[in-house]
Amino acid sequence: MALTIDELAARAGMTVRNVRNYQTKGLLPPPQLEGRRGLYSDEHLARLQLIKEMQASGFNLAAIRTLLDRTPVGAGREVLRFEQALLSPWSDERPEIVSTEELARRFGNPDPSFLARAERAGVVRALDDGSIELTSPRLIRAGEQVMALGIPIEAVIEVMEELAENSNRVAAAFVNLFLENVWRPFEAAGRPPDRWPEIRDRLERLRPLASEALLTTFGTRMLGAVEDAFGSELEETIPSDPIREVS
């Protein structure tokens, strides 16, 4: 299919100006020239539709460009959709931007090393303009609430660091599970074009299963840890049975 830029824009449901803008930013490859006229293909249309979908899902243009740069022109819509599924957030949580001063205020003006440690733990990210991106606002709010219980910030950040370390191991285990049992057999088969939807479907189905497995395991382990930790503690505080002592 060969489309003029006007036809392409109409099919994609956007303005010609937007199409030119995406092309200028490197999100859309140049058209095939036929004389003085540029003609666009199904691949251009697929990319524009994907850009719209990703923007609606909260992706910024920088993230979209990273995705498209990694996907060769001509790869096809299903390959693009797999790449989109691969890079989509694994939760519905959206990052928040705050100032350094606000973050410090929320955590009681901690030692300057707090920010560096929080960034290493992956819960915040320092931006070029001096502001702070909260990559996990829920975890930050949980940290604030834990501190409100009288627990010092040093203990809170230590738990955040431990959570990050353990989560990295769990994430690597699930990624390896997909690689070894789904992706590599698919790759060994030569990446058949008709199987891309199946591979993407397996990836998308793994998301809720991974989260459910992690939460279920954590709940079981947490119960066991509480029983182990408090069993002996409570025994020391429970008074002995006076009737039994007399007998």
Protein backbone atom coordinates (compact mmCIF):
# COMPACT_ATOMS: atom_id res chain seq x y z
CA MET A 1 0.00 0.00 0.00
CA ALA A 2 1.37 3.40 -0.98
CA LEU A 3 -0.05 6.44 0.78
CA THR A 4 0.59 10.15 0.48
CA ILE A 5 1.21 12.00 3.71
CA ASP A 6 -2.38 13.31 3.66
CA GLU A 7 -3.75 9.79 3.23
CA LEU A 8 -1.42 8.44 5.92
CA ALA A 9 -2.50 11.12 8.40
CA ALA A 10 -6.17 10.43 7.67
CA ARG A 11 -5.75 6.67 8.13
CA ALA A 12 -3.86 7.21 11.40
CA GLY A 13 -6.41 9.70 12.71
CA MET A 14 -3.98 12.56 13.18
CA THR A 15 -2.90 15.75 11.46
CA VAL A 16 -0.27 16.03 8.74
CA ARG A 17 1.60 18.36 11.09
CA ASN A 18 1.84 15.58 13.71
CA VAL A 19 3.10 13.12 11.12
CA ARG A 20 5.83 15.54 10.06
CA ASN A 21 6.68 16.20 13.70
CA TYR A 22 7.12 12.47 14.43
CA GLN A 23 9.27 12.14 11.35
CA THR A 24 11.44 15.09 12.42
CA LYS A 25 11.89 13.53 15.88
CA GLY A 26 13.04 10.26 14.33
CA LEU A 27 9.95 8.29 15.33
CA LEU A 28 8.90 7.68 11.74
CA PRO A 29 11.26 6.62 8.93
CA PRO A 30 11.32 8.77 5.78
CA PRO A 31 8.94 7.90 2.93
CA GLN A 32 9.86 6.25 -0.34
CA LEU A 33 10.39 9.00 -2.90
CA GLU A 34 8.62 8.77 -6.22
CA GLY A 35 9.75 11.80 -8.10
CA ARG A 36 8.97 14.74 -5.81
CA ARG A 37 6.26 12.85 -3.95
CA GLY A 38 6.84 10.89 -0.76
CA LEU A 39 4.90 7.65 -0.38
CA TYR A 40 4.27 5.85 2.90
CA SER A 41 3.63 2.15 3.53
CA ASP A 42 1.69 -0.10 5.91
CA GLU A 43 4.75 -0.04 8.17
CA HIS A 44 4.50 3.74 8.55
CA LEU A 45 0.80 3.43 9.39
CA ALA A 46 1.50 0.67 11.95
CA ARG A 47 4.12 2.83 13.63
CA LEU A 48 1.85 5.85 13.84
CA GLN A 49 -0.94 3.76 15.34
CA LEU A 50 1.52 2.29 17.84
CA ILE A 51 2.73 5.77 18.78
CA LYS A 52 -0.87 6.79 19.51
CA GLU A 53 -1.48 3.67 21.59
CA MET A 54 1.70 4.12 23.60
CA GLN A 55 1.02 7.79 24.26
CA ALA A 56 -2.46 6.87 25.47
CA SER A 57 -0.82 4.32 27.81
CA GLY A 58 1.41 6.99 29.35
CA PHE A 59 4.64 6.49 27.36
CA ASN A 60 6.54 9.68 26.58
CA LEU A 61 8.14 10.31 23.18
CA ALA A 62 11.62 9.41 24.46
CA ALA A 63 10.45 5.96 25.55
CA ILE A 64 8.58 5.48 22.27
CA ARG A 65 11.68 6.40 20.29
CA THR A 66 13.73 3.88 22.30
CA LEU A 67 11.24 1.18 21.37
CA LEU A 68 11.14 2.10 17.69
CA ASP A 69 14.93 2.43 17.46
CA ARG A 70 15.24 -1.14 18.70
CA THR A 71 12.79 -2.44 16.10
CA PRO A 72 14.02 -2.54 12.49
CA VAL A 73 11.92 -0.96 9.77
CA GLY A 74 9.90 -3.64 8.02
CA ALA A 75 9.64 -5.81 11.13
CA GLY A 76 5.86 -5.68 10.98
CA ARG A 77 3.11 -4.61 13.33
CA GLU A 78 3.18 -7.80 15.41
CA VAL A 79 6.86 -7.33 16.20
CA LEU A 80 6.15 -3.75 17.23
CA ARG A 81 3.27 -4.89 19.42
CA PHE A 82 5.52 -7.47 21.09
CA GLU A 83 8.12 -4.78 21.79
CA GLN A 84 5.37 -2.60 23.25
CA ALA A 85 4.21 -5.44 25.53
CA LEU A 86 7.81 -6.07 26.54
CA LEU A 87 8.39 -2.47 27.60
CA SER A 88 4.97 -1.83 29.13
CA PRO A 89 4.94 -1.19 32.90
CA TRP A 90 4.25 -4.27 35.02
CA SER A 91 1.89 -2.31 37.25
CA ASP A 92 -0.65 0.48 36.83
CA GLU A 93 1.47 2.80 38.97
CA ARG A 94 2.53 6.06 37.32
CA PRO A 95 5.72 7.92 38.34
CA GLU A 96 5.36 11.32 40.03
CA ILE A 97 7.66 14.34 39.82
CA VAL A 98 8.49 16.27 43.01
CA SER A 99 11.13 18.76 44.06
CA THR A 100 14.12 17.75 46.16
CA GLU A 101 12.79 20.00 48.92
CA GLU A 102 9.39 18.29 48.94
CA LEU A 103 10.93 14.83 49.14
CA ALA A 104 13.19 15.94 51.99
CA ARG A 105 10.23 17.47 53.83
CA ARG A 106 8.16 14.32 53.48
CA PHE A 107 10.96 12.30 55.07
CA GLY A 108 11.85 14.74 57.82
CA ASN A 109 14.88 16.39 56.14
CA PRO A 110 17.11 13.31 56.25
CA ASP A 111 20.85 13.07 55.75
CA PRO A 112 21.91 13.92 52.14
CA SER A 113 22.95 10.31 51.62
CA PHE A 114 19.27 9.32 51.80
CA LEU A 115 18.61 10.46 48.23
CA ALA A 116 21.57 8.52 46.84
CA ARG A 117 20.50 5.37 48.69
CA ALA A 118 16.87 5.76 47.59
CA GLU A 119 18.06 6.15 44.00
CA ARG A 120 20.19 3.01 44.23
CA ALA A 121 17.15 1.19 45.62
CA GLY A 122 15.25 2.24 42.50
CA VAL A 123 12.44 4.14 44.23
CA VAL A 124 13.51 7.60 43.05
CA ARG A 125 15.47 9.02 40.12
CA ALA A 126 17.22 12.39 39.98
CA LEU A 127 16.32 14.31 36.81
CA ASP A 128 18.50 16.72 34.86
CA ASP A 129 16.43 19.75 35.91
CA GLY A 130 17.03 19.05 39.61
CA SER A 131 13.63 17.56 40.31
CA ILE A 132 13.00 14.02 41.53
CA GLU A 133 10.98 11.30 39.83
CA LEU A 134 9.25 8.96 42.27
CA THR A 135 9.40 5.71 40.30
CA SER A 136 7.22 4.05 42.94
CA PRO A 137 4.98 6.64 44.64
CA ARG A 138 3.18 3.86 46.55
CA LEU A 139 6.41 2.65 48.09
CA ILE A 140 7.34 6.21 49.03
CA ARG A 141 3.97 6.70 50.71
CA ALA A 142 4.37 3.37 52.50
CA GLY A 143 7.76 4.56 53.77
CA GLU A 144 6.18 7.76 55.10
CA GLN A 145 3.50 5.77 56.91
CA VAL A 146 6.08 3.42 58.41
CA MET A 147 7.99 6.44 59.74
CA ALA A 148 4.73 7.76 61.24
CA LEU A 149 4.75 4.62 63.41
CA GLY A 150 7.94 5.86 65.04
CA ILE A 151 10.37 3.82 62.94
CA PRO A 152 13.50 5.82 61.99
CA ILE A 153 14.30 6.65 58.40
CA GLU A 154 17.56 4.68 58.55
CA ALA A 155 15.59 1.49 59.16
CA VAL A 156 13.10 2.40 56.43
CA ILE A 157 15.77 2.92 53.76
CA GLU A 158 17.48 -0.32 54.76
CA VAL A 159 14.23 -2.19 54.14
CA MET A 160 13.81 -0.40 50.79
CA GLU A 161 17.31 -1.49 49.77
CA GLU A 162 16.60 -5.07 50.80
CA LEU A 163 13.29 -5.02 48.90
CA ALA A 164 15.10 -3.79 45.78
CA GLU A 165 17.76 -6.49 46.04
CA ASN A 166 15.27 -9.31 46.55
CA SER A 167 12.91 -7.97 43.89
CA ASN A 168 15.76 -7.92 41.37
CA ARG A 169 16.35 -11.61 41.99
CA VAL A 170 12.65 -12.46 41.65
CA ALA A 171 12.36 -10.40 38.46
CA ALA A 172 15.42 -12.10 36.98
CA ALA A 173 13.91 -15.53 37.80
CA PHE A 174 10.67 -14.74 35.92
CA VAL A 175 12.52 -13.21 32.97
CA ASN A 176 14.72 -16.29 32.73
CA LEU A 177 11.61 -18.50 32.91
CA PHE A 178 10.18 -16.74 29.85
CA LEU A 179 13.48 -16.66 27.97
CA GLU A 180 14.31 -20.33 28.42
CA ASN A 181 10.86 -21.80 27.87
CA VAL A 182 9.15 -19.43 25.44
CA TRP A 183 11.51 -17.03 23.68
CA ARG A 184 14.52 -19.26 22.93
CA PRO A 185 12.45 -22.12 21.44
CA PHE A 186 10.68 -19.48 19.31
CA GLU A 187 14.03 -18.04 18.26
CA ALA A 188 15.41 -21.51 17.48
CA ALA A 189 12.44 -22.04 15.18
CA GLY A 190 13.47 -18.94 13.22
CA ARG A 191 10.89 -16.58 14.73
CA PRO A 192 7.99 -17.65 12.48
CA PRO A 193 5.95 -14.52 11.62
CA ASP A 194 2.62 -16.21 12.37
CA ARG A 195 3.71 -17.01 15.94
CA TRP A 196 4.40 -13.43 17.09
CA PRO A 197 0.84 -12.98 18.47
CA GLU A 198 1.21 -16.24 20.43
CA ILE A 199 4.53 -15.15 21.97
CA ARG A 200 3.10 -11.75 22.89
CA ASP A 201 0.04 -13.42 24.42
CA ARG A 202 2.25 -15.63 26.59
CA LEU A 203 4.21 -12.62 27.79
CA GLU A 204 1.05 -10.71 28.67
CA ARG A 205 -0.41 -13.72 30.49
CA LEU A 206 2.78 -14.08 32.51
CA ARG A 207 2.36 -10.60 34.02
CA PRO A 208 -0.59 -11.31 36.38
CA LEU A 209 0.72 -14.82 37.11
CA ALA A 210 4.08 -13.44 38.21
CA SER A 211 2.44 -10.83 40.45
CA GLU A 212 0.05 -13.37 41.96
CA ALA A 213 2.84 -15.87 42.64
CA LEU A 214 4.96 -13.18 44.31
CA LEU A 215 2.13 -11.88 46.52
CA THR A 216 1.01 -15.37 47.52
CA THR A 217 4.54 -16.45 48.40
CA PHE A 218 5.13 -13.25 50.36
CA GLY A 219 1.93 -13.73 52.35
CA THR A 220 2.91 -17.29 53.29
CA ARG A 221 6.48 -16.33 54.18
CA MET A 222 5.31 -13.29 56.17
CA LEU A 223 3.03 -15.44 58.30
CA GLY A 224 5.85 -17.88 58.99
CA ALA A 225 8.27 -15.08 59.86
CA VAL A 226 5.79 -13.50 62.29
CA GLU A 227 5.13 -16.83 64.00
CA ASP A 228 8.87 -17.53 64.31
CA ALA A 229 9.72 -14.06 65.58
CA PHE A 230 6.88 -13.60 68.04
CA GLY A 231 6.41 -17.15 69.28
CA SER A 232 9.25 -16.99 71.78
CA GLU A 233 8.64 -13.28 72.50
CA LEU A 234 5.04 -13.88 73.55
CA GLU A 235 5.93 -16.96 75.58
CA GLU A 236 8.17 -14.81 77.77
CA THR A 237 5.35 -12.34 78.49
CA ILE A 238 2.56 -14.86 79.19
CA PRO A 239 2.37 -15.59 82.93
CA SER A 240 2.63 -19.21 83.96
CA ASP A 241 -0.54 -21.07 85.02
CA PRO A 242 -0.78 -20.69 88.85
CA ILE A 243 -3.03 -23.75 89.16
CA ARG A 244 -0.51 -25.88 87.32
CA GLU A 245 2.31 -24.50 89.51
CA VAL A 246 0.49 -25.47 92.72
CA SER A 247 -0.19 -28.96 91.48
